[in-house]
Amino acid sequence: VAIALTRRLLWGMQSVPDPETAHLHESRALHW
């Protein structure tokens, strides 16, 4: 499960505009 989420994050962050967006998505994944 952690690998599936990590894969989603790493690929998905290739298209976000700034690290703030990455921070928010990472925080949700880390919270869970």
Full PDB file with SEQRES, HELIX, SHEET, SSBOND, CRYST1, ORIGX, SCALE, CONECT and MASTER records, all heavy atoms in Angstrom:
SEQRES   1 A   32  VAL ALA ILE ALA LEU THR ARG ARG LEU LEU TRP GLY MET          
SEQRES   2 A   32  GLN SER VAL PRO ASP PRO GLU THR ALA HIS LEU HIS GLU          
SEQRES   3 A   32  SER ARG ALA LEU HIS TRP                                      
HELIX    1 AA1 ALA A    2  GLY A   12  1                                  11    
HELIX    2 AA2 MET A   13  SER A   15  5                                   3    
HELIX    3 AA3 PRO A   19  HIS A   31  1                                  13    
CRYST1    1.000    1.000    1.000  90.00  90.00  90.00 P 1           1          
ORIGX1      1.000000  0.000000  0.000000        0.00000                         
ORIGX2      0.000000  1.000000  0.000000        0.00000                         
ORIGX3      0.000000  0.000000  1.000000        0.00000                         
SCALE1      1.000000  0.000000  0.000000        0.00000                         
SCALE2      0.000000  1.000000  0.000000        0.00000                         
SCALE3      0.000000  0.000000  1.000000        0.00000                         
ATOM      1  N   VAL A   1       0.830  -1.203   0.000  1.00  0.00           N  
ATOM      2  CA  VAL A   1       0.000   0.000   0.000  1.00  0.00           C  
ATOM      3  C   VAL A   1       0.868   1.259   0.000  1.00  0.00           C  
ATOM      4  O   VAL A   1       0.615   2.207  -0.755  1.00  0.00           O  
ATOM      5  CB  VAL A   1      -0.967  -0.010   1.196  1.00  0.00           C  
ATOM      6  CG1 VAL A   1      -1.625   1.361   1.376  1.00  0.00           C  
ATOM      7  CG2 VAL A   1      -2.044  -1.073   0.982  1.00  0.00           C  
ATOM      8  N   ALA A   2       1.919   1.277   0.814  1.00  0.00           N  
ATOM      9  CA  ALA A   2       2.808   2.444   0.835  1.00  0.00           C  
ATOM     10  C   ALA A   2       3.477   2.642  -0.515  1.00  0.00           C  
ATOM     11  O   ALA A   2       3.668   3.781  -0.961  1.00  0.00           O  
ATOM     12  CB  ALA A   2       3.857   2.293   1.928  1.00  0.00           C  
ATOM     13  N   ILE A   3       3.832   1.544  -1.195  1.00  0.00           N  
ATOM     14  CA  ILE A   3       4.450   1.664  -2.513  1.00  0.00           C  
ATOM     15  C   ILE A   3       3.457   2.195  -3.531  1.00  0.00           C  
ATOM     16  O   ILE A   3       3.792   3.042  -4.368  1.00  0.00           O  
ATOM     17  CB  ILE A   3       5.038   0.313  -2.959  1.00  0.00           C  
ATOM     18  CG1 ILE A   3       6.249  -0.055  -2.096  1.00  0.00           C  
ATOM     19  CG2 ILE A   3       5.427   0.344  -4.435  1.00  0.00           C  
ATOM     20  CD1 ILE A   3       7.388   0.934  -2.161  1.00  0.00           C  
ATOM     21  N   ALA A   4       2.224   1.717  -3.489  1.00  0.00           N  
ATOM     22  CA  ALA A   4       1.206   2.225  -4.421  1.00  0.00           C  
ATOM     23  C   ALA A   4       1.001   3.723  -4.227  1.00  0.00           C  
ATOM     24  O   ALA A   4       0.888   4.484  -5.201  1.00  0.00           O  
ATOM     25  CB  ALA A   4      -0.103   1.475  -4.225  1.00  0.00           C  
ATOM     26  N   LEU A   5       0.953   4.170  -2.960  1.00  0.00           N  
ATOM     27  CA  LEU A   5       0.776   5.596  -2.692  1.00  0.00           C  
ATOM     28  C   LEU A   5       2.010   6.399  -3.100  1.00  0.00           C  
ATOM     29  O   LEU A   5       1.895   7.515  -3.632  1.00  0.00           O  
ATOM     30  CB  LEU A   5       0.467   5.806  -1.209  1.00  0.00           C  
ATOM     31  CG  LEU A   5      -0.870   5.257  -0.726  1.00  0.00           C  
ATOM     32  CD1 LEU A   5      -0.969   5.384   0.794  1.00  0.00           C  
ATOM     33  CD2 LEU A   5      -2.033   5.974  -1.404  1.00  0.00           C  
ATOM     34  N   THR A   6       3.188   5.852  -2.849  1.00  0.00           N  
ATOM     35  CA  THR A   6       4.423   6.537  -3.230  1.00  0.00           C  
ATOM     36  C   THR A   6       4.519   6.689  -4.737  1.00  0.00           C  
ATOM     37  O   THR A   6       4.912   7.749  -5.250  1.00  0.00           O  
ATOM     38  CB  THR A   6       5.640   5.768  -2.694  1.00  0.00           C  
ATOM     39  OG1 THR A   6       5.558   5.699  -1.268  1.00  0.00           O  
ATOM     40  CG2 THR A   6       6.940   6.442  -3.087  1.00  0.00           C  
ATOM     41  N   ARG A   7       4.160   5.632  -5.462  1.00  0.00           N  
ATOM     42  CA  ARG A   7       4.174   5.710  -6.931  1.00  0.00           C  
ATOM     43  C   ARG A   7       3.226   6.812  -7.416  1.00  0.00           C  
ATOM     44  O   ARG A   7       3.567   7.603  -8.286  1.00  0.00           O  
ATOM     45  CB  ARG A   7       3.769   4.361  -7.529  1.00  0.00           C  
ATOM     46  CG  ARG A   7       3.900   4.307  -9.051  1.00  0.00           C  
ATOM     47  CD  ARG A   7       3.516   2.945  -9.614  1.00  0.00           C  
ATOM     48  NE  ARG A   7       3.989   2.831 -10.993  1.00  0.00           N  
ATOM     49  CZ  ARG A   7       3.316   3.252 -12.064  1.00  0.00           C  
ATOM     50  NH1 ARG A   7       2.124   3.812 -11.894  1.00  0.00           N  
ATOM     51  NH2 ARG A   7       3.826   3.141 -13.271  1.00  0.00           N  
ATOM     52  N   ARG A   8       2.042   6.841  -6.833  1.00  0.00           N  
ATOM     53  CA  ARG A   8       1.064   7.871  -7.200  1.00  0.00           C  
ATOM     54  C   ARG A   8       1.605   9.269  -6.923  1.00  0.00           C  
ATOM     55  O   ARG A   8       1.449  10.187  -7.738  1.00  0.00           O  
ATOM     56  CB  ARG A   8      -0.224   7.622  -6.422  1.00  0.00           C  
ATOM     57  CG  ARG A   8      -1.280   8.696  -6.563  1.00  0.00           C  
ATOM     58  CD  ARG A   8      -2.456   8.357  -5.677  1.00  0.00           C  
ATOM     59  NE  ARG A   8      -3.404   9.466  -5.609  1.00  0.00           N  
ATOM     60  CZ  ARG A   8      -4.462   9.485  -4.822  1.00  0.00           C  
ATOM     61  NH1 ARG A   8      -4.715   8.455  -4.042  1.00  0.00           N  
ATOM     62  NH2 ARG A   8      -5.271  10.520  -4.798  1.00  0.00           N  
ATOM     63  N   LEU A   9       2.247   9.459  -5.780  1.00  0.00           N  
ATOM     64  CA  LEU A   9       2.773  10.767  -5.435  1.00  0.00           C  
ATOM     65  C   LEU A   9       3.912  11.191  -6.352  1.00  0.00           C  
ATOM     66  O   LEU A   9       3.928  12.318  -6.877  1.00  0.00           O  
ATOM     67  CB  LEU A   9       3.259  10.763  -3.983  1.00  0.00           C  
ATOM     68  CG  LEU A   9       2.185  10.805  -2.894  1.00  0.00           C  
ATOM     69  CD1 LEU A   9       2.784  10.460  -1.543  1.00  0.00           C  
ATOM     70  CD2 LEU A   9       1.510  12.176  -2.854  1.00  0.00           C  
ATOM     71  N   LEU A  10       4.875  10.305  -6.561  1.00  0.00           N  
ATOM     72  CA  LEU A  10       6.047  10.689  -7.358  1.00  0.00           C  
ATOM     73  C   LEU A  10       5.668  11.021  -8.797  1.00  0.00           C  
ATOM     74  O   LEU A  10       6.142  12.017  -9.360  1.00  0.00           O  
ATOM     75  CB  LEU A  10       7.089   9.575  -7.309  1.00  0.00           C  
ATOM     76  CG  LEU A  10       7.885   9.491  -6.005  1.00  0.00           C  
ATOM     77  CD1 LEU A  10       8.689   8.198  -5.950  1.00  0.00           C  
ATOM     78  CD2 LEU A  10       8.821  10.688  -5.874  1.00  0.00           C  
ATOM     79  N   TRP A  11       4.825  10.186  -9.407  1.00  0.00           N  
ATOM     80  CA  TRP A  11       4.408  10.503 -10.771  1.00  0.00           C  
ATOM     81  C   TRP A  11       3.495  11.725 -10.797  1.00  0.00           C  
ATOM     82  O   TRP A  11       3.633  12.603 -11.653  1.00  0.00           O  
ATOM     83  CB  TRP A  11       3.695   9.300 -11.396  1.00  0.00           C  
ATOM     84  CG  TRP A  11       4.622   8.283 -11.981  1.00  0.00           C  
ATOM     85  CD1 TRP A  11       4.849   7.015 -11.521  1.00  0.00           C  
ATOM     86  CD2 TRP A  11       5.453   8.441 -13.137  1.00  0.00           C  
ATOM     87  NE1 TRP A  11       5.764   6.376 -12.321  1.00  0.00           N  
ATOM     88  CE2 TRP A  11       6.151   7.220 -13.319  1.00  0.00           C  
ATOM     89  CE3 TRP A  11       5.674   9.484 -14.029  1.00  0.00           C  
ATOM     90  CZ2 TRP A  11       7.048   7.025 -14.370  1.00  0.00           C  
ATOM     91  CZ3 TRP A  11       6.570   9.294 -15.076  1.00  0.00           C  
ATOM     92  CH2 TRP A  11       7.243   8.076 -15.230  1.00  0.00           C  
ATOM     93  N   GLY A  12       2.562  11.796  -9.856  1.00  0.00           N  
ATOM     94  CA  GLY A  12       1.606  12.895  -9.863  1.00  0.00           C  
ATOM     95  C   GLY A  12       2.246  14.251  -9.645  1.00  0.00           C  
ATOM     96  O   GLY A  12       1.802  15.260 -10.206  1.00  0.00           O  
ATOM     97  N   MET A  13       3.309  14.308  -8.861  1.00  0.00           N  
ATOM     98  CA  MET A  13       3.948  15.587  -8.574  1.00  0.00           C  
ATOM     99  C   MET A  13       4.719  16.156  -9.765  1.00  0.00           C  
ATOM    100  O   MET A  13       5.188  17.291  -9.716  1.00  0.00           O  
ATOM    101  CB  MET A  13       4.884  15.448  -7.371  1.00  0.00           C  
ATOM    102  CG  MET A  13       4.179  15.223  -6.069  1.00  0.00           C  
ATOM    103  SD  MET A  13       2.852  16.411  -5.753  1.00  0.00           S  
ATOM    104  CE  MET A  13       1.540  15.296  -5.289  1.00  0.00           C  
ATOM    105  N   GLN A  14       4.832  15.382 -10.848  1.00  0.00           N  
ATOM    106  CA  GLN A  14       5.495  15.907 -12.037  1.00  0.00           C  
ATOM    107  C   GLN A  14       4.693  17.030 -12.708  1.00  0.00           C  
ATOM    108  O   GLN A  14       5.218  17.745 -13.550  1.00  0.00           O  
ATOM    109  CB  GLN A  14       5.737  14.782 -13.052  1.00  0.00           C  
ATOM    110  CG  GLN A  14       6.594  13.647 -12.530  1.00  0.00           C  
ATOM    111  CD  GLN A  14       7.916  14.138 -11.974  1.00  0.00           C  
ATOM    112  OE1 GLN A  14       8.692  14.752 -12.695  1.00  0.00           O  
ATOM    113  NE2 GLN A  14       8.154  13.881 -10.699  1.00  0.00           N  
ATOM    114  N   SER A  15       3.433  17.153 -12.343  1.00  0.00           N  
ATOM    115  CA  SER A  15       2.599  18.147 -13.029  1.00  0.00           C  
ATOM    116  C   SER A  15       2.049  19.228 -12.115  1.00  0.00           C  
ATOM    117  O   SER A  15       1.280  20.072 -12.566  1.00  0.00           O  
ATOM    118  CB  SER A  15       1.418  17.440 -13.720  1.00  0.00           C  
ATOM    119  OG  SER A  15       0.626  16.747 -12.764  1.00  0.00           O  
ATOM    120  N   VAL A  16       2.425  19.229 -10.845  1.00  0.00           N  
ATOM    121  CA  VAL A  16       1.888  20.254  -9.953  1.00  0.00           C  
ATOM    122  C   VAL A  16       2.753  21.512 -10.030  1.00  0.00           C  
ATOM    123  O   VAL A  16       3.930  21.449 -10.382  1.00  0.00           O  
ATOM    124  CB  VAL A  16       1.787  19.753  -8.502  1.00  0.00           C  
ATOM    125  CG1 VAL A  16       0.889  18.525  -8.425  1.00  0.00           C  
ATOM    126  CG2 VAL A  16       3.153  19.470  -7.911  1.00  0.00           C  
ATOM    127  N   PRO A  17       2.185  22.681  -9.694  1.00  0.00           N  
ATOM    128  CA  PRO A  17       2.902  23.931  -9.946  1.00  0.00           C  
ATOM    129  C   PRO A  17       3.960  24.314  -8.920  1.00  0.00           C  
ATOM    130  O   PRO A  17       4.831  25.137  -9.217  1.00  0.00           O  
ATOM    131  CB  PRO A  17       1.773  24.974  -9.966  1.00  0.00           C  
ATOM    132  CG  PRO A  17       0.724  24.388  -9.063  1.00  0.00           C  
ATOM    133  CD  PRO A  17       0.789  22.907  -9.295  1.00  0.00           C  
ATOM    134  N   ASP A  18       3.881  23.745  -7.711  1.00  0.00           N  
ATOM    135  CA  ASP A  18       4.790  24.230  -6.674  1.00  0.00           C  
ATOM    136  C   ASP A  18       4.929  23.185  -5.574  1.00  0.00           C  
ATOM    137  O   ASP A  18       4.122  22.258  -5.473  1.00  0.00           O  
ATOM    138  CB  ASP A  18       4.266  25.552  -6.083  1.00  0.00           C  
ATOM    139  CG  ASP A  18       2.826  25.436  -5.626  1.00  0.00           C  
ATOM    140  OD1 ASP A  18       2.521  24.521  -4.830  1.00  0.00           O  
ATOM    141  OD2 ASP A  18       1.994  26.254  -6.073  1.00  0.00           O  
ATOM    142  N   PRO A  19       5.958  23.310  -4.713  1.00  0.00           N  
ATOM    143  CA  PRO A  19       6.148  22.342  -3.630  1.00  0.00           C  
ATOM    144  C   PRO A  19       5.062  22.390  -2.574  1.00  0.00           C  
ATOM    145  O   PRO A  19       4.868  21.418  -1.846  1.00  0.00           O  
ATOM    146  CB  PRO A  19       7.519  22.713  -3.057  1.00  0.00           C  
ATOM    147  CG  PRO A  19       7.762  24.121  -3.466  1.00  0.00           C  
ATOM    148  CD  PRO A  19       7.079  24.275  -4.784  1.00  0.00           C  
ATOM    149  N   GLU A  20       4.354  23.496  -2.473  1.00  0.00           N  
ATOM    150  CA  GLU A  20       3.252  23.574  -1.519  1.00  0.00           C  
ATOM    151  C   GLU A  20       2.192  22.512  -1.835  1.00  0.00           C  
ATOM    152  O   GLU A  20       1.655  21.857  -0.931  1.00  0.00           O  
ATOM    153  CB  GLU A  20       2.620  24.973  -1.555  1.00  0.00           C  
ATOM    154  CG  GLU A  20       1.406  25.151  -0.644  1.00  0.00           C  
ATOM    155  CD  GLU A  20       1.774  25.238   0.826  1.00  0.00           C  
ATOM    156  OE1 GLU A  20       2.957  25.472   1.134  1.00  0.00           O  
ATOM    157  OE2 GLU A  20       0.867  25.076   1.659  1.00  0.00           O  
ATOM    158  N   THR A  21       1.897  22.354  -3.127  1.00  0.00           N  
ATOM    159  CA  THR A  21       0.926  21.344  -3.528  1.00  0.00           C  
ATOM    160  C   THR A  21       1.425  19.950  -3.153  1.00  0.00           C  
ATOM    161  O   THR A  21       0.675  19.121  -2.649  1.00  0.00           O  
ATOM    162  CB  THR A  21       0.667  21.423  -5.044  1.00  0.00           C  
ATOM    163  OG1 THR A  21       0.268  22.754  -5.381  1.00  0.00           O  
ATOM    164  CG2 THR A  21      -0.426  20.454  -5.473  1.00  0.00           C  
ATOM    165  N   ALA A  22       2.709  19.704  -3.411  1.00  0.00           N  
ATOM    166  CA  ALA A  22       3.291  18.418  -3.029  1.00  0.00           C  
ATOM    167  C   ALA A  22       3.182  18.205  -1.524  1.00  0.00           C  
ATOM    168  O   ALA A  22       2.850  17.110  -1.049  1.00  0.00           O  
ATOM    169  CB  ALA A  22       4.746  18.343  -3.482  1.00  0.00           C  
ATOM    170  N   HIS A  23       3.464  19.245  -0.764  1.00  0.00           N  
ATOM    171  CA  HIS A  23       3.404  19.161   0.694  1.00  0.00           C  
ATOM    172  C   HIS A  23       2.012  18.751   1.168  1.00  0.00           C  
ATOM    173  O   HIS A  23       1.859  17.901   2.059  1.00  0.00           O  
ATOM    174  CB  HIS A  23       3.802  20.506   1.292  1.00  0.00           C  
ATOM    175  CG  HIS A  23       3.506  20.646   2.750  1.00  0.00           C  
ATOM    176  ND1 HIS A  23       4.126  19.874   3.715  1.00  0.00           N  
ATOM    177  CD2 HIS A  23       2.638  21.456   3.411  1.00  0.00           C  
ATOM    178  CE1 HIS A  23       3.661  20.210   4.909  1.00  0.00           C  
ATOM    179  NE2 HIS A  23       2.766  21.155   4.757  1.00  0.00           N  
ATOM    180  N   LEU A  24       0.983  19.323   0.568  1.00  0.00           N  
ATOM    181  CA  LEU A  24      -0.382  19.023   0.991  1.00  0.00           C  
ATOM    182  C   LEU A  24      -0.742  17.572   0.700  1.00  0.00           C  
ATOM    183  O   LEU A  24      -1.334  16.875   1.534  1.00  0.00           O  
ATOM    184  CB  LEU A  24      -1.367  19.976   0.302  1.00  0.00           C  
ATOM    185  CG  LEU A  24      -1.263  21.444   0.722  1.00  0.00           C  
ATOM    186  CD1 LEU A  24      -2.177  22.309  -0.138  1.00  0.00           C  
ATOM    187  CD2 LEU A  24      -1.579  21.624   2.203  1.00  0.00           C  
ATOM    188  N   HIS A  25      -0.378  17.092  -0.506  1.00  0.00           N  
ATOM    189  CA  HIS A  25      -0.690  15.699  -0.859  1.00  0.00           C  
ATOM    190  C   HIS A  25       0.155  14.720  -0.035  1.00  0.00           C  
ATOM    191  O   HIS A  25      -0.345  13.677   0.405  1.00  0.00           O  
ATOM    192  CB  HIS A  25      -0.483  15.478  -2.352  1.00  0.00           C  
ATOM    193  CG  HIS A  25      -1.579  16.039  -3.201  1.00  0.00           C  
ATOM    194  ND1 HIS A  25      -2.774  15.376  -3.406  1.00  0.00           N  
ATOM    195  CD2 HIS A  25      -1.674  17.205  -3.886  1.00  0.00           C  
ATOM    196  CE1 HIS A  25      -3.562  16.100  -4.184  1.00  0.00           C  
ATOM    197  NE2 HIS A  25      -2.913  17.213  -4.491  1.00  0.00           N  
ATOM    198  N   GLU A  26       1.419  15.042   0.170  1.00  0.00           N  
ATOM    199  CA  GLU A  26       2.251  14.180   1.012  1.00  0.00           C  
ATOM    200  C   GLU A  26       1.707  14.115   2.436  1.00  0.00           C  
ATOM    201  O   GLU A  26       1.719  13.058   3.080  1.00  0.00           O  
ATOM    202  CB  GLU A  26       3.687  14.707   1.033  1.00  0.00           C  
ATOM    203  CG  GLU A  26       4.454  14.489  -0.250  1.00  0.00           C  
ATOM    204  CD  GLU A  26       5.822  15.145  -0.208  1.00  0.00           C  
ATOM    205  OE1 GLU A  26       6.167  15.721   0.848  1.00  0.00           O  
ATOM    206  OE2 GLU A  26       6.536  15.085  -1.227  1.00  0.00           O  
ATOM    207  N   SER A  27       1.240  15.258   2.946  1.00  0.00           N  
ATOM    208  CA  SER A  27       0.729  15.291   4.318  1.00  0.00           C  
ATOM    209  C   SER A  27      -0.493  14.394   4.470  1.00  0.00           C  
ATOM    210  O   SER A  27      -0.647  13.700   5.487  1.00  0.00           O  
ATOM    211  CB  SER A  27       0.388  16.730   4.715  1.00  0.00           C  
ATOM    212  OG  SER A  27       1.556  17.531   4.745  1.00  0.00           O  
ATOM    213  N   ARG A  28      -1.382  14.405   3.468  1.00  0.00           N  
ATOM    214  CA  ARG A  28      -2.554  13.523   3.535  1.00  0.00           C  
ATOM    215  C   ARG A  28      -2.126  12.059   3.561  1.00  0.00           C  
ATOM    216  O   ARG A  28      -2.665  11.253   4.330  1.00  0.00           O  
ATOM    217  CB  ARG A  28      -3.472  13.790   2.344  1.00  0.00           C  
ATOM    218  CG  ARG A  28      -4.142  15.161   2.338  1.00  0.00           C  
ATOM    219  CD  ARG A  28      -5.134  15.277   1.200  1.00  0.00           C  
ATOM    220  NE  ARG A  28      -5.702  16.614   1.096  1.00  0.00           N  
ATOM    221  CZ  ARG A  28      -5.366  17.493   0.153  1.00  0.00           C  
ATOM    222  NH1 ARG A  28      -4.454  17.180  -0.749  1.00  0.00           N  
ATOM    223  NH2 ARG A  28      -5.928  18.690   0.129  1.00  0.00           N  
ATOM    224  N   ALA A  29      -1.170  11.712   2.684  1.00  0.00           N  
ATOM    225  CA  ALA A  29      -0.704  10.326   2.633  1.00  0.00           C  
ATOM    226  C   ALA A  29      -0.005   9.931   3.932  1.00  0.00           C  
ATOM    227  O   ALA A  29      -0.202   8.833   4.464  1.00  0.00           O  
ATOM    228  CB  ALA A  29       0.229  10.135   1.437  1.00  0.00           C  
ATOM    229  N   LEU A  30       0.812  10.841   4.464  1.00  0.00           N  
ATOM    230  CA  LEU A  30       1.496  10.559   5.724  1.00  0.00           C  
ATOM    231  C   LEU A  30       0.509  10.443   6.889  1.00  0.00           C  
ATOM    232  O   LEU A  30       0.688   9.616   7.789  1.00  0.00           O  
ATOM    233  CB  LEU A  30       2.513  11.667   6.013  1.00  0.00           C  
ATOM    234  CG  LEU A  30       3.837  11.575   5.263  1.00  0.00           C  
ATOM    235  CD1 LEU A  30       4.594  12.896   5.351  1.00  0.00           C  
ATOM    236  CD2 LEU A  30       4.691  10.446   5.829  1.00  0.00           C  
ATOM    237  N   HIS A  31      -0.523  11.278   6.884  1.00  0.00           N  
ATOM    238  CA  HIS A  31      -1.534  11.219   7.937  1.00  0.00           C  
ATOM    239  C   HIS A  31      -2.193   9.852   7.958  1.00  0.00           C  
ATOM    240  O   HIS A  31      -2.417   9.255   9.017  1.00  0.00           O  
ATOM    241  CB  HIS A  31      -2.576  12.320   7.720  1.00  0.00           C  
ATOM    242  CG  HIS A  31      -3.611  12.405   8.792  1.00  0.00           C  
ATOM    243  ND1 HIS A  31      -4.790  11.671   8.751  1.00  0.00           N  
ATOM    244  CD2 HIS A  31      -3.653  13.114   9.950  1.00  0.00           C  
ATOM    245  CE1 HIS A  31      -5.507  11.938   9.824  1.00  0.00           C  
ATOM    246  NE2 HIS A  31      -4.842  12.807  10.567  1.00  0.00           N  
ATOM    247  N   TRP A  32      -2.498   9.329   6.765  1.00  0.00           N  
ATOM    248  CA  TRP A  32      -3.157   8.023   6.703  1.00  0.00           C  
ATOM    249  C   TRP A  32      -2.187   6.888   7.025  1.00  0.00           C  
ATOM    250  O   TRP A  32      -2.479   6.036   7.871  1.00  0.00           O  
ATOM    251  CB  TRP A  32      -3.767   7.808   5.312  1.00  0.00           C  
ATOM    252  CG  TRP A  32      -4.606   6.571   5.262  1.00  0.00           C  
ATOM    253  CD1 TRP A  32      -5.939   6.475   5.540  1.00  0.00           C  
ATOM    254  CD2 TRP A  32      -4.159   5.248   4.967  1.00  0.00           C  
ATOM    255  NE1 TRP A  32      -6.362   5.169   5.429  1.00  0.00           N  
ATOM    256  CE2 TRP A  32      -5.280   4.391   5.069  1.00  0.00           C  
ATOM    257  CE3 TRP A  32      -2.930   4.698   4.618  1.00  0.00           C  
ATOM    258  CZ2 TRP A  32      -5.208   3.016   4.850  1.00  0.00           C  
ATOM    259  CZ3 TRP A  32      -2.847   3.322   4.386  1.00  0.00           C  
ATOM    260  CH2 TRP A  32      -3.966   2.499   4.505  1.00  0.00           C  
TER     261      TRP A  32                                                      
MASTER        0    0    0    3    0    0    0    6  260    1    0    3          
END                                                                             
